[in-house]
Each structure stands twice: as structure tokens, then as C-alpha cells.
Amino acid sequence: MHSALARTESRGAHAREDYPNRNDAAWLKHTLAWVAADGAVRLDYRPVHLTTLSDDVQNIPSDGPDVLRNAGFNDWRCHGSMSH
């Protein structure tokens, strides 16, 4: 819950009405969370690698919703599954 509240954007299944847009400039990163014995939560982040580790596999573009729309997914903000 802490990491979802900290992420002030909508991305895939993580959709927020108060932040309806994807924000790669601020949030193209993985969230890491640690919970202490007293229940305190510490968040940190690590970068997303946009390239593959070899030339054997093609990179997937990170163009966000446009990629999904072009693939036929019109409602990319839906919860749980994508509508065709």
C-alpha cells in the first residue's frame, strides 16, 4: 500500500484517479520496499533496464499507452484485464 501511494501516476494495472497519466520522467523505475520489525516501511528504487542482455532478443519499446492502443487495447487503464 505504501508503494502504491508513493507512485503518483497511473501505469498498467496501477491506476489512480488523482494521477491519471503515466509519468516516465519520474516513475520509470522499480519500487523496493522493506518492512521493519516495528511495521515501519522503507521505500527505495532501482532503474528499469530498457535493453535486453543480448542481441538474441529484440527490445520492447517503452512508448506506454500508444503501444497498447496500436496493438488493439483501447482501455489501457482498466483494472485487472485489458479490453479489446
N, C-alpha and C. Protein backbone atom coordinates (compact mmCIF):
# COMPACT_ATOMS: atom_id res chain seq x y z
N MET A 1 0.81 -1.18 0.00
CA MET A 1 0.00 0.00 0.00
C MET A 1 0.87 1.26 0.00
N HIS A 2 1.96 1.22 0.75
CA HIS A 2 2.85 2.39 0.82
C HIS A 2 3.42 2.74 -0.54
N SER A 3 3.87 1.71 -1.26
CA SER A 3 4.47 1.98 -2.57
C SER A 3 3.44 2.49 -3.57
N ALA A 4 2.21 2.00 -3.49
CA ALA A 4 1.16 2.48 -4.39
C ALA A 4 0.82 3.94 -4.11
N LEU A 5 0.78 4.31 -2.85
CA LEU A 5 0.51 5.72 -2.51
C LEU A 5 1.66 6.63 -2.92
N ALA A 6 2.88 6.13 -2.86
CA ALA A 6 4.04 6.94 -3.24
C ALA A 6 4.10 7.17 -4.74
N ARG A 7 3.59 6.24 -5.54
CA ARG A 7 3.67 6.33 -7.00
C ARG A 7 2.56 7.23 -7.51
N THR A 8 2.90 8.47 -7.82
CA THR A 8 1.92 9.48 -8.24
C THR A 8 1.76 9.49 -9.76
N GLU A 9 1.24 8.39 -10.27
CA GLU A 9 0.97 8.22 -11.69
C GLU A 9 0.04 7.03 -11.87
N SER A 10 -0.40 6.82 -13.10
CA SER A 10 -1.11 5.59 -13.47
C SER A 10 -0.24 4.84 -14.46
N ARG A 11 -0.11 3.52 -14.25
CA ARG A 11 0.74 2.69 -15.11
C ARG A 11 0.19 1.28 -15.07
N GLY A 12 -0.28 0.78 -16.21
CA GLY A 12 -0.79 -0.58 -16.26
C GLY A 12 -1.94 -0.80 -15.29
N ALA A 13 -1.83 -1.82 -14.47
CA ALA A 13 -2.88 -2.12 -13.50
C ALA A 13 -2.87 -1.16 -12.32
N HIS A 14 -1.82 -0.37 -12.18
CA HIS A 14 -1.77 0.64 -11.12
C HIS A 14 -2.39 1.92 -11.68
N ALA A 15 -3.66 2.12 -11.43
CA ALA A 15 -4.38 3.29 -11.95
C ALA A 15 -4.89 4.13 -10.80
N ARG A 16 -4.63 5.43 -10.87
CA ARG A 16 -5.08 6.36 -9.84
C ARG A 16 -5.91 7.45 -10.50
N GLU A 17 -7.08 7.71 -9.95
CA GLU A 17 -7.94 8.77 -10.49
C GLU A 17 -7.32 10.14 -10.26
N ASP A 18 -6.57 10.32 -9.18
CA ASP A 18 -5.95 11.62 -8.89
C ASP A 18 -4.68 11.86 -9.71
N TYR A 19 -4.12 10.82 -10.30
CA TYR A 19 -2.97 10.92 -11.21
C TYR A 19 -3.25 10.02 -12.41
N PRO A 20 -4.04 10.47 -13.38
CA PRO A 20 -4.50 9.61 -14.47
C PRO A 20 -3.45 9.30 -15.54
N ASN A 21 -2.33 10.01 -15.55
CA ASN A 21 -1.36 9.84 -16.63
C ASN A 21 -0.12 9.10 -16.18
N ARG A 22 0.50 8.43 -17.12
CA ARG A 22 1.79 7.79 -16.91
C ARG A 22 2.86 8.87 -16.88
N ASN A 23 3.88 8.70 -16.03
CA ASN A 23 4.93 9.70 -15.90
C ASN A 23 6.29 9.00 -15.89
N ASP A 24 6.82 8.73 -17.07
CA ASP A 24 8.10 8.03 -17.18
C ASP A 24 9.25 8.86 -16.63
N ALA A 25 9.17 10.18 -16.72
CA ALA A 25 10.27 11.02 -16.24
C ALA A 25 10.51 10.80 -14.74
N ALA A 26 9.44 10.63 -13.99
CA ALA A 26 9.58 10.46 -12.54
C ALA A 26 9.48 9.01 -12.09
N TRP A 27 8.77 8.15 -12.84
CA TRP A 27 8.42 6.84 -12.32
C TRP A 27 8.81 5.65 -13.18
N LEU A 28 9.70 5.80 -14.13
CA LEU A 28 10.19 4.64 -14.87
C LEU A 28 11.28 4.00 -14.03
N LYS A 29 10.85 3.33 -12.94
CA LYS A 29 11.75 2.68 -12.01
C LYS A 29 10.98 1.63 -11.23
N HIS A 30 11.71 0.68 -10.67
CA HIS A 30 11.12 -0.37 -9.84
C HIS A 30 11.09 0.12 -8.40
N THR A 31 10.03 -0.18 -7.70
CA THR A 31 9.91 0.16 -6.29
C THR A 31 10.31 -1.04 -5.43
N LEU A 32 11.15 -0.79 -4.45
CA LEU A 32 11.57 -1.81 -3.49
C LEU A 32 11.05 -1.39 -2.12
N ALA A 33 10.58 -2.32 -1.31
CA ALA A 33 10.03 -1.99 0.00
C ALA A 33 10.58 -2.94 1.05
N TRP A 34 10.89 -2.40 2.21
CA TRP A 34 11.32 -3.17 3.36
C TRP A 34 10.40 -2.83 4.52
N VAL A 35 10.01 -3.85 5.28
CA VAL A 35 9.18 -3.65 6.46
C VAL A 35 10.00 -4.03 7.68
N ALA A 36 10.16 -3.07 8.60
CA ALA A 36 10.92 -3.31 9.83
C ALA A 36 10.07 -4.10 10.83
N ALA A 37 10.70 -4.59 11.86
CA ALA A 37 10.01 -5.36 12.89
C ALA A 37 8.88 -4.56 13.53
N ASP A 38 9.05 -3.24 13.62
CA ASP A 38 8.00 -2.40 14.22
C ASP A 38 6.92 -2.00 13.22
N GLY A 39 7.01 -2.51 11.97
CA GLY A 39 6.00 -2.22 10.96
C GLY A 39 6.30 -1.02 10.09
N ALA A 40 7.37 -0.30 10.39
CA ALA A 40 7.75 0.85 9.57
C ALA A 40 8.18 0.37 8.18
N VAL A 41 7.76 1.11 7.15
CA VAL A 41 8.06 0.74 5.77
C VAL A 41 9.07 1.72 5.19
N ARG A 42 10.11 1.18 4.58
CA ARG A 42 11.10 2.00 3.88
C ARG A 42 11.03 1.67 2.40
N LEU A 43 10.93 2.70 1.56
CA LEU A 43 10.89 2.52 0.11
C LEU A 43 12.21 2.97 -0.50
N ASP A 44 12.60 2.28 -1.54
CA ASP A 44 13.74 2.69 -2.35
C ASP A 44 13.42 2.29 -3.77
N TYR A 45 14.29 2.63 -4.70
CA TYR A 45 14.00 2.40 -6.11
C TYR A 45 15.24 1.89 -6.83
N ARG A 46 15.03 1.18 -7.93
CA ARG A 46 16.13 0.78 -8.80
C ARG A 46 15.70 1.04 -10.24
N PRO A 47 16.65 1.28 -11.12
CA PRO A 47 16.30 1.63 -12.51
C PRO A 47 15.70 0.47 -13.28
N VAL A 48 14.92 0.80 -14.28
CA VAL A 48 14.39 -0.17 -15.23
C VAL A 48 15.37 -0.26 -16.39
N HIS A 49 15.76 -1.45 -16.76
CA HIS A 49 16.66 -1.65 -17.90
C HIS A 49 15.79 -1.83 -19.15
N LEU A 50 15.95 -0.95 -20.12
CA LEU A 50 15.12 -0.96 -21.31
C LEU A 50 15.73 -1.74 -22.46
N THR A 51 16.88 -2.32 -22.24
CA THR A 51 17.52 -3.11 -23.29
C THR A 51 17.66 -4.56 -22.81
N THR A 52 17.74 -5.47 -23.75
CA THR A 52 17.93 -6.87 -23.40
C THR A 52 19.41 -7.12 -23.10
N LEU A 53 19.70 -8.26 -22.53
CA LEU A 53 21.08 -8.58 -22.17
C LEU A 53 21.87 -9.17 -23.32
N SER A 54 21.21 -9.45 -24.44
CA SER A 54 21.91 -9.98 -25.61
C SER A 54 21.21 -9.48 -26.87
N ASP A 55 21.84 -9.72 -28.00
CA ASP A 55 21.24 -9.34 -29.27
C ASP A 55 20.29 -10.42 -29.80
N ASP A 56 20.12 -11.50 -29.05
CA ASP A 56 19.25 -12.60 -29.47
C ASP A 56 17.77 -12.25 -29.38
N VAL A 57 17.42 -11.24 -28.59
CA VAL A 57 16.03 -10.86 -28.36
C VAL A 57 15.87 -9.38 -28.67
N GLN A 58 14.79 -9.03 -29.34
CA GLN A 58 14.52 -7.64 -29.69
C GLN A 58 14.02 -6.87 -28.47
N ASN A 59 14.46 -5.62 -28.33
CA ASN A 59 13.97 -4.75 -27.26
C ASN A 59 12.50 -4.44 -27.49
N ILE A 60 11.76 -4.24 -26.39
CA ILE A 60 10.37 -3.82 -26.46
C ILE A 60 10.33 -2.33 -26.25
N PRO A 61 9.69 -1.57 -27.13
CA PRO A 61 9.66 -0.11 -26.97
C PRO A 61 8.88 0.28 -25.71
N SER A 62 9.28 1.38 -25.10
CA SER A 62 8.60 1.85 -23.88
C SER A 62 7.76 3.08 -24.18
N ASP A 63 6.93 2.98 -25.21
CA ASP A 63 6.11 4.12 -25.60
C ASP A 63 4.79 4.19 -24.84
N GLY A 64 4.61 3.37 -23.84
CA GLY A 64 3.45 3.45 -22.98
C GLY A 64 2.15 3.10 -23.66
N PRO A 65 1.10 3.85 -23.34
CA PRO A 65 -0.25 3.55 -23.81
C PRO A 65 -0.38 3.49 -25.33
N ASP A 66 0.41 4.25 -26.06
CA ASP A 66 0.30 4.24 -27.51
C ASP A 66 0.62 2.86 -28.08
N VAL A 67 1.59 2.17 -27.48
CA VAL A 67 1.92 0.82 -27.93
C VAL A 67 0.72 -0.09 -27.73
N LEU A 68 0.07 0.02 -26.58
CA LEU A 68 -1.09 -0.83 -26.29
C LEU A 68 -2.26 -0.50 -27.22
N ARG A 69 -2.51 0.79 -27.43
CA ARG A 69 -3.61 1.18 -28.32
C ARG A 69 -3.36 0.67 -29.73
N ASN A 70 -2.13 0.78 -30.21
CA ASN A 70 -1.80 0.31 -31.55
C ASN A 70 -1.93 -1.20 -31.67
N ALA A 71 -1.82 -1.90 -30.54
CA ALA A 71 -1.98 -3.36 -30.54
C ALA A 71 -3.44 -3.76 -30.38
N GLY A 72 -4.34 -2.78 -30.28
CA GLY A 72 -5.76 -3.09 -30.18
C GLY A 72 -6.35 -2.99 -28.78
N PHE A 73 -5.55 -2.62 -27.79
CA PHE A 73 -6.05 -2.45 -26.43
C PHE A 73 -6.46 -0.99 -26.26
N ASN A 74 -7.76 -0.72 -26.25
CA ASN A 74 -8.23 0.66 -26.20
C ASN A 74 -8.32 1.21 -24.79
N ASP A 75 -8.70 0.39 -23.82
CA ASP A 75 -8.86 0.86 -22.46
C ASP A 75 -7.70 0.37 -21.62
N TRP A 76 -6.55 1.03 -21.71
CA TRP A 76 -5.34 0.57 -21.03
C TRP A 76 -5.36 0.87 -19.55
N ARG A 77 -6.33 1.65 -19.04
CA ARG A 77 -6.38 1.95 -17.62
C ARG A 77 -7.29 1.02 -16.84
N CYS A 78 -7.89 0.04 -17.49
CA CYS A 78 -8.83 -0.83 -16.78
C CYS A 78 -8.11 -1.64 -15.72
N HIS A 79 -8.83 -2.04 -14.71
CA HIS A 79 -8.26 -2.82 -13.60
C HIS A 79 -8.39 -4.30 -13.90
N GLY A 80 -7.32 -5.02 -13.80
CA GLY A 80 -7.37 -6.47 -13.88
C GLY A 80 -7.08 -7.03 -15.26
N SER A 81 -7.75 -6.55 -16.30
CA SER A 81 -7.51 -7.08 -17.63
C SER A 81 -7.72 -5.97 -18.64
N MET A 82 -7.25 -6.19 -19.85
CA MET A 82 -7.38 -5.17 -20.90
C MET A 82 -8.55 -5.48 -21.78
N SER A 83 -9.26 -4.44 -22.19
CA SER A 83 -10.42 -4.60 -23.07
C SER A 83 -9.98 -4.47 -24.52
N HIS A 84 -10.47 -5.34 -25.39
CA HIS A 84 -10.18 -5.23 -26.82
C HIS A 84 -11.25 -4.41 -27.49
